[in-house]
Amino acid sequence: MVWDLIVPGVYELKPGARLTDAQIDGRITLSHLPRTTQKSHRFSSWKHRAELSTAWDYCYQFTSGVPTKPFLTLSGVPGTGKTHLALAVAWTWLETGKGLVAYYQVETLLDALRRGYDKEKRKPNEDTDTILNYLSFCSIVVLDDLGAESTTEWAWKKLDEIVDARYINKLPTVITTNGAPGQLSPRIADRLFEGEIIILEADSYRRR
């Protein structure tokens, strides 16, 4: 068997069933997915709660084919499982061979872009351009904790570039945020409102 039963009638492809170990390892390195989450943050390891069933169902369906709306935003207070579901989407996408994946906590992404900025020439260097190009055009991107970072004009501009490129090319993008999408930059918020927004309304898993 190459499938794991998650809930009755729903299966998940076992890790490595379609790609070779070497292929998966290479894609994980490119993706920046935390390797410690490969088993822990999966659809099969989700602790089901009735009030979050819509979020789980939509995220699972998001990986089953070409999404009808390429932008998926998971919004809610900390501890409701937004990152778990976003990572489950990313791992399933990667291991079923749908294409290259990119995962970043937004603050970490901005730190990487800042390091690659040539202050003397006042322009991005090759490393920054490489990150921006990869995030703009790879198969799926997960941006975790959007809105938690320092909201400088420079930060919003870089995020706008990524979101805009993916919007124009209709590329699958998953975003998690602790605030309402309307609290983000107007340009990003407009893009997200054209996609699917799932509000996770529940108590924190950590406090249960």
N, C-alpha and C. Protein backbone atom coordinates (compact mmCIF):
# COMPACT_ATOMS: atom_id res chain seq x y z
N MET A 1 0.84 -1.20 0.00
CA MET A 1 0.00 0.00 0.00
C MET A 1 0.87 1.25 0.00
N VAL A 2 0.52 2.23 -0.85
CA VAL A 2 1.27 3.48 -0.87
C VAL A 2 0.44 4.63 -0.31
N TRP A 3 -0.71 4.28 0.30
CA TRP A 3 -1.60 5.32 0.83
C TRP A 3 -1.86 5.10 2.31
N ASP A 4 -1.94 6.19 3.07
CA ASP A 4 -2.33 6.14 4.48
C ASP A 4 -3.78 6.61 4.61
N LEU A 5 -4.57 5.85 5.37
CA LEU A 5 -5.94 6.26 5.64
C LEU A 5 -5.91 7.36 6.69
N ILE A 6 -6.55 8.49 6.37
CA ILE A 6 -6.58 9.62 7.30
C ILE A 6 -7.89 9.60 8.08
N VAL A 7 -8.99 9.73 7.37
CA VAL A 7 -10.33 9.56 7.92
C VAL A 7 -11.07 8.69 6.92
N PRO A 8 -12.20 8.08 7.28
CA PRO A 8 -12.90 7.19 6.35
C PRO A 8 -13.13 7.82 4.98
N GLY A 9 -12.61 7.16 3.97
CA GLY A 9 -12.78 7.62 2.59
C GLY A 9 -11.75 8.62 2.12
N VAL A 10 -10.82 9.02 2.99
CA VAL A 10 -9.80 10.01 2.62
C VAL A 10 -8.42 9.43 2.86
N TYR A 11 -7.58 9.48 1.82
CA TYR A 11 -6.25 8.91 1.90
C TYR A 11 -5.19 9.95 1.58
N GLU A 12 -3.99 9.74 2.11
CA GLU A 12 -2.84 10.58 1.81
C GLU A 12 -1.71 9.71 1.30
N LEU A 13 -1.06 10.18 0.23
CA LEU A 13 0.05 9.42 -0.32
C LEU A 13 1.19 9.35 0.70
N LYS A 14 1.72 8.15 0.91
CA LYS A 14 2.82 8.01 1.85
C LYS A 14 4.05 8.76 1.34
N PRO A 15 4.82 9.37 2.26
CA PRO A 15 6.02 10.09 1.83
C PRO A 15 6.94 9.23 0.98
N GLY A 16 7.38 9.77 -0.14
CA GLY A 16 8.32 9.07 -1.00
C GLY A 16 7.71 8.08 -1.95
N ALA A 17 6.39 7.98 -2.01
CA ALA A 17 5.77 6.96 -2.85
C ALA A 17 5.89 7.27 -4.34
N ARG A 18 6.01 8.53 -4.70
CA ARG A 18 6.04 8.87 -6.11
C ARG A 18 7.41 9.38 -6.57
N LEU A 19 8.13 10.09 -5.70
CA LEU A 19 9.44 10.61 -6.03
C LEU A 19 10.51 9.77 -5.36
N THR A 20 11.70 9.75 -5.93
CA THR A 20 12.81 9.04 -5.28
C THR A 20 13.26 9.83 -4.06
N ASP A 21 13.98 9.16 -3.17
CA ASP A 21 14.48 9.83 -1.97
C ASP A 21 15.38 11.01 -2.34
N ALA A 22 16.19 10.83 -3.35
CA ALA A 22 17.10 11.91 -3.76
C ALA A 22 16.32 13.10 -4.30
N GLN A 23 15.26 12.84 -5.04
CA GLN A 23 14.44 13.93 -5.58
C GLN A 23 13.74 14.68 -4.45
N ILE A 24 13.20 13.93 -3.50
CA ILE A 24 12.51 14.56 -2.38
C ILE A 24 13.48 15.39 -1.56
N ASP A 25 14.66 14.84 -1.29
CA ASP A 25 15.64 15.56 -0.49
C ASP A 25 16.05 16.87 -1.16
N GLY A 26 16.25 16.83 -2.46
CA GLY A 26 16.60 18.04 -3.19
C GLY A 26 15.50 19.08 -3.13
N ARG A 27 14.26 18.63 -3.26
CA ARG A 27 13.13 19.57 -3.23
C ARG A 27 12.91 20.14 -1.83
N ILE A 28 13.18 19.33 -0.80
CA ILE A 28 13.06 19.85 0.56
C ILE A 28 14.08 20.96 0.79
N THR A 29 15.30 20.73 0.33
CA THR A 29 16.34 21.75 0.49
C THR A 29 15.95 23.05 -0.19
N LEU A 30 15.44 22.96 -1.39
CA LEU A 30 15.01 24.16 -2.11
C LEU A 30 13.82 24.83 -1.44
N SER A 31 12.97 24.06 -0.83
CA SER A 31 11.69 24.57 -0.31
C SER A 31 11.82 25.38 0.97
N HIS A 32 12.88 25.13 1.75
CA HIS A 32 13.03 25.72 3.09
C HIS A 32 11.98 25.19 4.07
N LEU A 33 11.33 24.10 3.72
CA LEU A 33 10.42 23.47 4.68
C LEU A 33 11.21 22.94 5.87
N PRO A 34 10.77 23.18 7.11
CA PRO A 34 11.46 22.62 8.27
C PRO A 34 11.35 21.09 8.25
N ARG A 35 12.47 20.42 8.19
CA ARG A 35 12.45 18.96 8.08
C ARG A 35 11.78 18.30 9.29
N THR A 36 11.81 18.98 10.43
CA THR A 36 11.18 18.41 11.63
C THR A 36 9.67 18.34 11.50
N THR A 37 9.10 19.02 10.51
CA THR A 37 7.64 19.01 10.35
C THR A 37 7.17 17.99 9.31
N GLN A 38 8.10 17.23 8.72
CA GLN A 38 7.73 16.32 7.64
C GLN A 38 6.72 15.27 8.10
N LYS A 39 6.80 14.86 9.35
CA LYS A 39 5.84 13.88 9.88
C LYS A 39 4.81 14.52 10.82
N SER A 40 5.23 15.58 11.51
CA SER A 40 4.35 16.14 12.54
C SER A 40 3.25 17.04 11.98
N HIS A 41 3.52 17.74 10.87
CA HIS A 41 2.55 18.69 10.34
C HIS A 41 1.95 18.15 9.03
N ARG A 42 1.11 17.15 9.20
CA ARG A 42 0.49 16.50 8.05
C ARG A 42 -1.02 16.46 8.25
N PHE A 43 -1.74 16.21 7.14
CA PHE A 43 -3.19 16.04 7.26
C PHE A 43 -3.51 14.85 8.16
N SER A 44 -2.66 13.82 8.10
CA SER A 44 -2.91 12.61 8.88
C SER A 44 -2.63 12.80 10.37
N SER A 45 -1.87 13.83 10.74
CA SER A 45 -1.56 14.07 12.15
C SER A 45 -2.41 15.18 12.76
N TRP A 46 -3.35 15.71 11.98
CA TRP A 46 -4.23 16.78 12.44
C TRP A 46 -5.21 16.26 13.49
N LYS A 47 -5.36 16.99 14.58
CA LYS A 47 -6.33 16.63 15.62
C LYS A 47 -7.67 17.26 15.26
N HIS A 48 -8.56 16.45 14.76
CA HIS A 48 -9.82 16.96 14.21
C HIS A 48 -10.72 17.57 15.28
N ARG A 49 -11.27 18.74 14.92
CA ARG A 49 -12.25 19.45 15.75
C ARG A 49 -13.35 19.94 14.82
N ALA A 50 -14.60 19.79 15.25
CA ALA A 50 -15.73 20.10 14.38
C ALA A 50 -15.68 21.54 13.88
N GLU A 51 -15.28 22.47 14.74
CA GLU A 51 -15.30 23.88 14.35
C GLU A 51 -14.22 24.24 13.32
N LEU A 52 -13.28 23.32 13.11
CA LEU A 52 -12.21 23.57 12.14
C LEU A 52 -12.29 22.63 10.93
N SER A 53 -13.40 21.92 10.81
CA SER A 53 -13.51 20.93 9.73
C SER A 53 -13.51 21.59 8.34
N THR A 54 -14.11 22.77 8.22
CA THR A 54 -14.12 23.47 6.92
C THR A 54 -12.71 23.82 6.48
N ALA A 55 -11.89 24.29 7.42
CA ALA A 55 -10.50 24.64 7.10
C ALA A 55 -9.73 23.41 6.65
N TRP A 56 -9.87 22.30 7.39
CA TRP A 56 -9.16 21.06 7.02
C TRP A 56 -9.62 20.58 5.65
N ASP A 57 -10.93 20.55 5.42
CA ASP A 57 -11.47 20.06 4.15
C ASP A 57 -10.95 20.90 2.98
N TYR A 58 -10.98 22.22 3.13
CA TYR A 58 -10.57 23.07 2.01
C TYR A 58 -9.08 22.91 1.73
N CYS A 59 -8.27 22.86 2.77
CA CYS A 59 -6.83 22.69 2.57
C CYS A 59 -6.52 21.35 1.92
N TYR A 60 -7.21 20.30 2.35
CA TYR A 60 -6.98 18.99 1.74
C TYR A 60 -7.35 19.00 0.26
N GLN A 61 -8.49 19.60 -0.07
CA GLN A 61 -8.92 19.68 -1.46
C GLN A 61 -7.99 20.56 -2.29
N PHE A 62 -7.37 21.53 -1.65
CA PHE A 62 -6.45 22.44 -2.34
C PHE A 62 -5.29 21.68 -2.99
N THR A 63 -4.92 20.55 -2.40
CA THR A 63 -3.79 19.77 -2.91
C THR A 63 -4.21 18.69 -3.91
N SER A 64 -5.51 18.52 -4.11
CA SER A 64 -5.99 17.39 -4.90
C SER A 64 -6.02 17.65 -6.39
N GLY A 65 -5.83 18.88 -6.79
CA GLY A 65 -5.85 19.23 -8.21
C GLY A 65 -5.49 20.68 -8.39
N VAL A 66 -5.88 21.27 -9.50
CA VAL A 66 -5.62 22.69 -9.72
C VAL A 66 -6.68 23.48 -8.96
N PRO A 67 -6.29 24.29 -7.97
CA PRO A 67 -7.29 25.03 -7.19
C PRO A 67 -8.09 25.99 -8.06
N THR A 68 -9.38 26.10 -7.79
CA THR A 68 -10.20 27.04 -8.56
C THR A 68 -9.82 28.47 -8.24
N LYS A 69 -9.38 28.70 -7.00
CA LYS A 69 -8.87 30.01 -6.60
C LYS A 69 -7.44 29.79 -6.10
N PRO A 70 -6.45 30.31 -6.81
CA PRO A 70 -5.08 29.98 -6.45
C PRO A 70 -4.59 30.56 -5.12
N PHE A 71 -5.28 31.59 -4.60
CA PHE A 71 -4.86 32.17 -3.33
C PHE A 71 -5.72 31.60 -2.19
N LEU A 72 -5.06 31.09 -1.16
CA LEU A 72 -5.73 30.57 0.02
C LEU A 72 -5.15 31.26 1.24
N THR A 73 -6.00 31.96 2.00
CA THR A 73 -5.56 32.64 3.21
C THR A 73 -6.21 31.98 4.42
N LEU A 74 -5.37 31.61 5.39
CA LEU A 74 -5.84 31.04 6.65
C LEU A 74 -5.64 32.10 7.73
N SER A 75 -6.74 32.57 8.28
CA SER A 75 -6.69 33.67 9.24
C SER A 75 -7.28 33.24 10.57
N GLY A 76 -6.68 33.69 11.67
CA GLY A 76 -7.21 33.37 12.98
C GLY A 76 -6.19 33.65 14.06
N VAL A 77 -6.61 33.54 15.30
CA VAL A 77 -5.72 33.82 16.42
C VAL A 77 -4.65 32.73 16.49
N PRO A 78 -3.52 33.02 17.18
CA PRO A 78 -2.47 32.00 17.30
C PRO A 78 -2.97 30.72 17.95
N GLY A 79 -2.42 29.59 17.48
CA GLY A 79 -2.73 28.32 18.11
C GLY A 79 -3.90 27.56 17.54
N THR A 80 -4.48 28.06 16.44
CA THR A 80 -5.65 27.37 15.87
C THR A 80 -5.28 26.40 14.75
N GLY A 81 -4.00 26.25 14.46
CA GLY A 81 -3.58 25.24 13.49
C GLY A 81 -3.34 25.75 12.09
N LYS A 82 -3.22 27.06 11.91
CA LYS A 82 -3.01 27.62 10.57
C LYS A 82 -1.71 27.11 9.95
N THR A 83 -0.63 27.17 10.73
CA THR A 83 0.67 26.73 10.22
C THR A 83 0.66 25.23 9.96
N HIS A 84 0.02 24.46 10.82
CA HIS A 84 -0.07 23.01 10.62
C HIS A 84 -0.70 22.71 9.26
N LEU A 85 -1.83 23.33 8.97
CA LEU A 85 -2.52 23.07 7.71
C LEU A 85 -1.71 23.57 6.51
N ALA A 86 -1.10 24.74 6.65
CA ALA A 86 -0.31 25.28 5.54
C ALA A 86 0.87 24.37 5.22
N LEU A 87 1.52 23.85 6.26
CA LEU A 87 2.64 22.93 6.04
C LEU A 87 2.16 21.59 5.48
N ALA A 88 0.99 21.15 5.91
CA ALA A 88 0.43 19.91 5.36
C ALA A 88 0.20 20.05 3.86
N VAL A 89 -0.31 21.20 3.44
CA VAL A 89 -0.48 21.46 2.00
C VAL A 89 0.87 21.40 1.30
N ALA A 90 1.87 22.05 1.88
CA ALA A 90 3.19 22.11 1.24
C ALA A 90 3.83 20.74 1.12
N TRP A 91 3.81 19.96 2.21
CA TRP A 91 4.42 18.62 2.18
C TRP A 91 3.71 17.71 1.18
N THR A 92 2.39 17.73 1.17
CA THR A 92 1.65 16.90 0.22
C THR A 92 1.97 17.30 -1.21
N TRP A 93 2.01 18.59 -1.46
CA TRP A 93 2.32 19.11 -2.80
C TRP A 93 3.70 18.62 -3.24
N LEU A 94 4.67 18.72 -2.35
CA LEU A 94 6.05 18.34 -2.69
C LEU A 94 6.16 16.85 -2.94
N GLU A 95 5.60 16.04 -2.05
CA GLU A 95 5.83 14.60 -2.12
C GLU A 95 4.99 13.90 -3.17
N THR A 96 3.93 14.55 -3.65
CA THR A 96 3.15 13.97 -4.74
C THR A 96 3.62 14.46 -6.10
N GLY A 97 4.73 15.19 -6.11
CA GLY A 97 5.35 15.57 -7.37
C GLY A 97 4.62 16.64 -8.16
N LYS A 98 3.86 17.49 -7.47
CA LYS A 98 3.12 18.54 -8.18
C LYS A 98 4.03 19.68 -8.63
N GLY A 99 5.19 19.78 -8.03
CA GLY A 99 6.12 20.84 -8.43
C GLY A 99 6.93 21.34 -7.25
N LEU A 100 7.75 22.34 -7.52
CA LEU A 100 8.62 22.88 -6.48
C LEU A 100 7.82 23.73 -5.50
N VAL A 101 8.27 23.69 -4.25
CA VAL A 101 7.58 24.35 -3.15
C VAL A 101 8.52 25.37 -2.51
N ALA A 102 7.95 26.46 -2.02
CA ALA A 102 8.71 27.42 -1.22
C ALA A 102 7.93 27.73 0.05
N TYR A 103 8.58 27.59 1.20
CA TYR A 103 7.97 27.92 2.48
C TYR A 103 8.86 28.91 3.22
N TYR A 104 8.25 29.98 3.72
CA TYR A 104 8.98 30.95 4.53
C TYR A 104 8.07 31.51 5.60
N GLN A 105 8.58 31.63 6.82
CA GLN A 105 7.97 32.56 7.76
C GLN A 105 8.34 33.94 7.22
N VAL A 106 7.39 34.84 7.19
CA VAL A 106 7.60 36.11 6.47
C VAL A 106 8.75 36.91 7.06
N GLU A 107 8.89 36.94 8.38
CA GLU A 107 9.99 37.69 8.99
C GLU A 107 11.34 37.11 8.56
N THR A 108 11.43 35.77 8.50
CA THR A 108 12.66 35.12 8.05
C THR A 108 12.95 35.45 6.59
N LEU A 109 11.90 35.48 5.78
CA LEU A 109 12.06 35.84 4.37
C LEU A 109 12.61 37.25 4.23
N LEU A 110 12.04 38.19 4.96
CA LEU A 110 12.48 39.58 4.86
C LEU A 110 13.92 39.73 5.35
N ASP A 111 14.29 38.98 6.39
CA ASP A 111 15.68 39.00 6.85
C ASP A 111 16.62 38.54 5.74
N ALA A 112 16.23 37.47 5.04
CA ALA A 112 17.06 36.95 3.95
C ALA A 112 17.19 37.97 2.82
N LEU A 113 16.09 38.65 2.51
CA LEU A 113 16.13 39.65 1.45
C LEU A 113 16.98 40.86 1.86
N ARG A 114 16.90 41.24 3.13
CA ARG A 114 17.70 42.37 3.62
C ARG A 114 19.19 42.05 3.55
N ARG A 115 19.55 40.82 3.90
CA ARG A 115 20.96 40.42 3.85
C ARG A 115 21.50 40.50 2.43
N GLY A 116 20.63 40.28 1.48
CA GLY A 116 21.07 40.29 0.08
C GLY A 116 20.99 41.64 -0.58
N TYR A 117 20.70 42.67 0.19
CA TYR A 117 20.57 44.00 -0.41
C TYR A 117 21.91 44.74 -0.33
N ASP A 118 22.39 45.21 -1.46
CA ASP A 118 23.66 45.93 -1.54
C ASP A 118 23.40 47.39 -1.20
N LYS A 119 23.75 47.77 0.03
CA LYS A 119 23.45 49.13 0.47
C LYS A 119 24.26 50.18 -0.30
N GLU A 120 25.48 49.81 -0.68
CA GLU A 120 26.31 50.78 -1.40
C GLU A 120 25.73 51.08 -2.78
N LYS A 121 25.27 50.04 -3.46
CA LYS A 121 24.70 50.24 -4.80
C LYS A 121 23.20 50.52 -4.74
N ARG A 122 22.63 50.36 -3.53
CA ARG A 122 21.20 50.60 -3.31
C ARG A 122 20.32 49.76 -4.25
N LYS A 123 20.69 48.51 -4.38
CA LYS A 123 19.88 47.60 -5.19
C LYS A 123 20.12 46.17 -4.72
N PRO A 124 19.20 45.25 -5.05
CA PRO A 124 19.37 43.86 -4.65
C PRO A 124 20.58 43.24 -5.33
N ASN A 125 21.26 42.30 -4.62
CA ASN A 125 22.33 41.57 -5.27
C ASN A 125 21.77 40.26 -5.84
N GLU A 126 22.65 39.42 -6.31
CA GLU A 126 22.21 38.19 -7.00
C GLU A 126 21.41 37.27 -6.09
N ASP A 127 21.79 37.19 -4.81
CA ASP A 127 21.08 36.31 -3.89
C ASP A 127 19.63 36.75 -3.70
N THR A 128 19.43 38.05 -3.53
CA THR A 128 18.07 38.57 -3.36
C THR A 128 17.24 38.33 -4.61
N ASP A 129 17.81 38.58 -5.76
CA ASP A 129 17.10 38.35 -7.02
C ASP A 129 16.70 36.88 -7.17
N THR A 130 17.60 35.98 -6.75
CA THR A 130 17.32 34.55 -6.85
C THR A 130 16.12 34.17 -5.98
N ILE A 131 16.10 34.68 -4.74
CA ILE A 131 14.98 34.38 -3.83
C ILE A 131 13.68 34.93 -4.40
N LEU A 132 13.70 36.18 -4.86
CA LEU A 132 12.48 36.79 -5.39
C LEU A 132 11.96 36.05 -6.62
N ASN A 133 12.86 35.65 -7.50
CA ASN A 133 12.45 34.93 -8.70
C ASN A 133 11.86 33.57 -8.36
N TYR A 134 12.49 32.87 -7.42
CA TYR A 134 11.99 31.55 -7.03
C TYR A 134 10.60 31.65 -6.41
N LEU A 135 10.43 32.62 -5.51
CA LEU A 135 9.14 32.79 -4.85
C LEU A 135 8.07 33.29 -5.81
N SER A 136 8.48 34.00 -6.83
CA SER A 136 7.50 34.54 -7.78
C SER A 136 6.96 33.49 -8.74
N PHE A 137 7.77 32.44 -9.01
CA PHE A 137 7.38 31.55 -10.10
C PHE A 137 7.38 30.06 -9.77
N CYS A 138 7.76 29.65 -8.54
CA CYS A 138 7.72 28.21 -8.26
C CYS A 138 6.27 27.74 -8.14
N SER A 139 6.09 26.43 -8.10
CA SER A 139 4.75 25.84 -8.22
C SER A 139 3.79 26.29 -7.13
N ILE A 140 4.25 26.33 -5.88
CA ILE A 140 3.40 26.78 -4.78
C ILE A 140 4.27 27.47 -3.73
N VAL A 141 3.72 28.51 -3.12
CA VAL A 141 4.42 29.25 -2.06
C VAL A 141 3.54 29.27 -0.82
N VAL A 142 4.17 29.07 0.34
CA VAL A 142 3.51 29.24 1.63
C VAL A 142 4.22 30.37 2.37
N LEU A 143 3.48 31.43 2.66
CA LEU A 143 3.99 32.55 3.45
C LEU A 143 3.31 32.51 4.82
N ASP A 144 4.09 32.21 5.84
CA ASP A 144 3.57 31.99 7.18
C ASP A 144 3.71 33.25 8.03
N ASP A 145 2.65 33.61 8.76
CA ASP A 145 2.64 34.75 9.67
C ASP A 145 2.80 36.08 8.95
N LEU A 146 2.06 36.27 7.90
CA LEU A 146 2.08 37.56 7.21
C LEU A 146 1.40 38.60 8.11
N GLY A 147 2.07 39.73 8.29
CA GLY A 147 1.54 40.78 9.14
C GLY A 147 2.18 40.83 10.50
N ALA A 148 2.95 39.78 10.87
CA ALA A 148 3.63 39.75 12.16
C ALA A 148 4.97 40.47 12.08
N GLU A 149 5.46 40.69 10.86
CA GLU A 149 6.77 41.30 10.67
C GLU A 149 6.70 42.82 10.83
N SER A 150 7.86 43.45 10.88
CA SER A 150 7.92 44.91 10.92
C SER A 150 7.38 45.45 9.60
N THR A 151 6.32 46.22 9.68
CA THR A 151 5.64 46.65 8.46
C THR A 151 6.23 47.95 7.92
N THR A 152 7.47 47.89 7.47
CA THR A 152 8.09 49.05 6.86
C THR A 152 7.65 49.14 5.40
N GLU A 153 7.83 50.30 4.82
CA GLU A 153 7.48 50.47 3.41
C GLU A 153 8.27 49.52 2.52
N TRP A 154 9.55 49.32 2.87
CA TRP A 154 10.40 48.41 2.09
C TRP A 154 9.87 46.98 2.16
N ALA A 155 9.46 46.55 3.37
CA ALA A 155 8.96 45.18 3.55
C ALA A 155 7.71 44.95 2.72
N TRP A 156 6.76 45.89 2.79
CA TRP A 156 5.52 45.72 2.02
C TRP A 156 5.81 45.71 0.53
N LYS A 157 6.78 46.52 0.08
CA LYS A 157 7.10 46.57 -1.34
C LYS A 157 7.59 45.21 -1.83
N LYS A 158 8.49 44.57 -1.06
CA LYS A 158 9.01 43.26 -1.46
C LYS A 158 7.90 42.20 -1.46
N LEU A 159 7.07 42.23 -0.44
CA LEU A 159 5.96 41.27 -0.38
C LEU A 159 4.97 41.52 -1.51
N ASP A 160 4.73 42.78 -1.81
CA ASP A 160 3.85 43.12 -2.93
C ASP A 160 4.37 42.52 -4.24
N GLU A 161 5.68 42.59 -4.45
CA GLU A 161 6.28 42.06 -5.68
C GLU A 161 5.99 40.58 -5.84
N ILE A 162 6.16 39.84 -4.73
CA ILE A 162 5.94 38.39 -4.78
C ILE A 162 4.47 38.07 -5.01
N VAL A 163 3.61 38.68 -4.20
CA VAL A 163 2.17 38.41 -4.30
C VAL A 163 1.64 38.81 -5.66
N ASP A 164 2.09 39.95 -6.18
CA ASP A 164 1.61 40.43 -7.47
C ASP A 164 2.00 39.48 -8.60
N ALA A 165 3.25 39.00 -8.57
CA ALA A 165 3.70 38.07 -9.61
C ALA A 165 2.89 36.79 -9.59
N ARG A 166 2.60 36.29 -8.42
CA ARG A 166 1.85 35.05 -8.30
C ARG A 166 0.38 35.27 -8.67
N TYR A 167 -0.14 36.43 -8.37
CA TYR A 167 -1.52 36.76 -8.74
C TYR A 167 -1.67 36.82 -10.26
N ILE A 168 -0.75 37.52 -10.92
CA ILE A 168 -0.81 37.67 -12.38
C ILE A 168 -0.73 36.31 -13.07
N ASN A 169 0.12 35.42 -12.53
CA ASN A 169 0.33 34.11 -13.16
C ASN A 169 -0.58 33.02 -12.59
N LYS A 170 -1.49 33.41 -11.68
CA LYS A 170 -2.46 32.48 -11.09
C LYS A 170 -1.78 31.24 -10.50
N LEU A 171 -0.74 31.47 -9.71
CA LEU A 171 0.03 30.39 -9.10
C LEU A 171 -0.45 30.14 -7.67
N PRO A 172 -0.63 28.89 -7.28
CA PRO A 172 -1.12 28.57 -5.93
C PRO A 172 -0.25 29.18 -4.84
N THR A 173 -0.91 29.83 -3.90
CA THR A 173 -0.23 30.54 -2.82
C THR A 173 -1.05 30.40 -1.55
N VAL A 174 -0.40 29.97 -0.47
CA VAL A 174 -1.07 29.82 0.83
C VAL A 174 -0.46 30.83 1.79
N ILE A 175 -1.32 31.58 2.47
CA ILE A 175 -0.85 32.61 3.40
C ILE A 175 -1.54 32.41 4.74
N THR A 176 -0.78 32.49 5.81
CA THR A 176 -1.38 32.48 7.15
C THR A 176 -1.17 33.85 7.78
N THR A 177 -2.15 34.28 8.54
CA THR A 177 -2.06 35.56 9.22
C THR A 177 -2.87 35.53 10.50
N ASN A 178 -2.36 36.19 11.53
CA ASN A 178 -3.09 36.24 12.80
C ASN A 178 -4.14 37.34 12.81
N GLY A 179 -4.02 38.30 11.88
CA GLY A 179 -4.97 39.39 11.83
C GLY A 179 -5.94 39.22 10.68
N ALA A 180 -6.83 40.18 10.53
CA ALA A 180 -7.75 40.17 9.40
C ALA A 180 -7.01 40.58 8.14
N PRO A 181 -7.30 39.95 6.99
CA PRO A 181 -6.62 40.31 5.75
C PRO A 181 -6.70 41.80 5.44
N GLY A 182 -7.79 42.46 5.87
CA GLY A 182 -7.93 43.88 5.61
C GLY A 182 -6.92 44.75 6.34
N GLN A 183 -6.20 44.16 7.32
CA GLN A 183 -5.19 44.90 8.05
C GLN A 183 -3.84 44.89 7.34
N LEU A 184 -3.74 44.15 6.26
CA LEU A 184 -2.50 44.09 5.49
C LEU A 184 -2.43 45.27 4.53
N SER A 185 -1.36 45.35 3.77
CA SER A 185 -1.26 46.45 2.82
C SER A 185 -2.43 46.37 1.85
N PRO A 186 -2.98 47.51 1.40
CA PRO A 186 -4.17 47.49 0.54
C PRO A 186 -3.99 46.64 -0.71
N ARG A 187 -2.81 46.69 -1.32
CA ARG A 187 -2.59 45.94 -2.56
C ARG A 187 -2.63 44.43 -2.30
N ILE A 188 -1.95 43.99 -1.23
CA ILE A 188 -1.97 42.56 -0.90
C ILE A 188 -3.37 42.13 -0.49
N ALA A 189 -4.03 42.94 0.31
CA ALA A 189 -5.39 42.61 0.75
C ALA A 189 -6.32 42.42 -0.43
N ASP A 190 -6.23 43.29 -1.44
CA ASP A 190 -7.08 43.16 -2.63
C ASP A 190 -6.86 41.82 -3.31
N ARG A 191 -5.61 41.40 -3.42
CA ARG A 191 -5.30 40.11 -4.05
C ARG A 191 -5.91 38.96 -3.25
N LEU A 192 -5.74 39.03 -1.93
CA LEU A 192 -6.22 37.93 -1.09
C LEU A 192 -7.74 37.83 -1.11
N PHE A 193 -8.43 38.96 -1.17
CA PHE A 193 -9.89 38.92 -1.17
C PHE A 193 -10.45 38.31 -2.45
N GLU A 194 -9.64 38.22 -3.50
CA GLU A 194 -10.08 37.54 -4.72
C GLU A 194 -9.89 36.03 -4.62
N GLY A 195 -9.17 35.59 -3.61
CA GLY A 195 -8.99 34.17 -3.39
C GLY A 195 -9.95 33.65 -2.33
N GLU A 196 -9.59 32.54 -1.71
CA GLU A 196 -10.40 31.94 -0.65
C GLU A 196 -9.82 32.33 0.70
N ILE A 197 -10.65 32.86 1.59
CA ILE A 197 -10.21 33.22 2.93
C ILE A 197 -10.96 32.35 3.93
N ILE A 198 -10.20 31.59 4.71
CA ILE A 198 -10.79 30.70 5.71
C ILE A 198 -10.45 31.27 7.09
N ILE A 199 -11.47 31.56 7.88
CA ILE A 199 -11.27 32.05 9.24
C ILE A 199 -11.33 30.86 10.20
N LEU A 200 -10.25 30.63 10.92
CA LEU A 200 -10.22 29.54 11.89
C LEU A 200 -10.66 30.10 13.24
N GLU A 201 -11.91 29.83 13.58
CA GLU A 201 -12.48 30.34 14.82
C GLU A 201 -12.56 29.21 15.83
N ALA A 202 -11.59 29.20 16.73
CA ALA A 202 -11.53 28.15 17.74
C ALA A 202 -10.55 28.56 18.83
N ASP A 203 -10.63 27.88 19.96
CA ASP A 203 -9.64 28.10 21.01
C ASP A 203 -8.30 27.53 20.57
N SER A 204 -7.24 28.06 21.14
CA SER A 204 -5.90 27.59 20.81
C SER A 204 -5.73 26.12 21.20
N TYR A 205 -5.10 25.34 20.30
CA TYR A 205 -4.78 23.95 20.63
C TYR A 205 -3.85 23.90 21.85
N ARG A 206 -2.98 24.89 21.98
CA ARG A 206 -1.98 24.88 23.04
C ARG A 206 -2.61 25.04 24.42
N ARG A 207 -3.81 25.59 24.48
CA ARG A 207 -4.45 25.85 25.77
C ARG A 207 -5.46 24.77 26.14
N ARG A 208 -5.63 23.81 25.26
CA ARG A 208 -6.60 22.75 25.53
C ARG A 208 -5.96 21.67 26.40
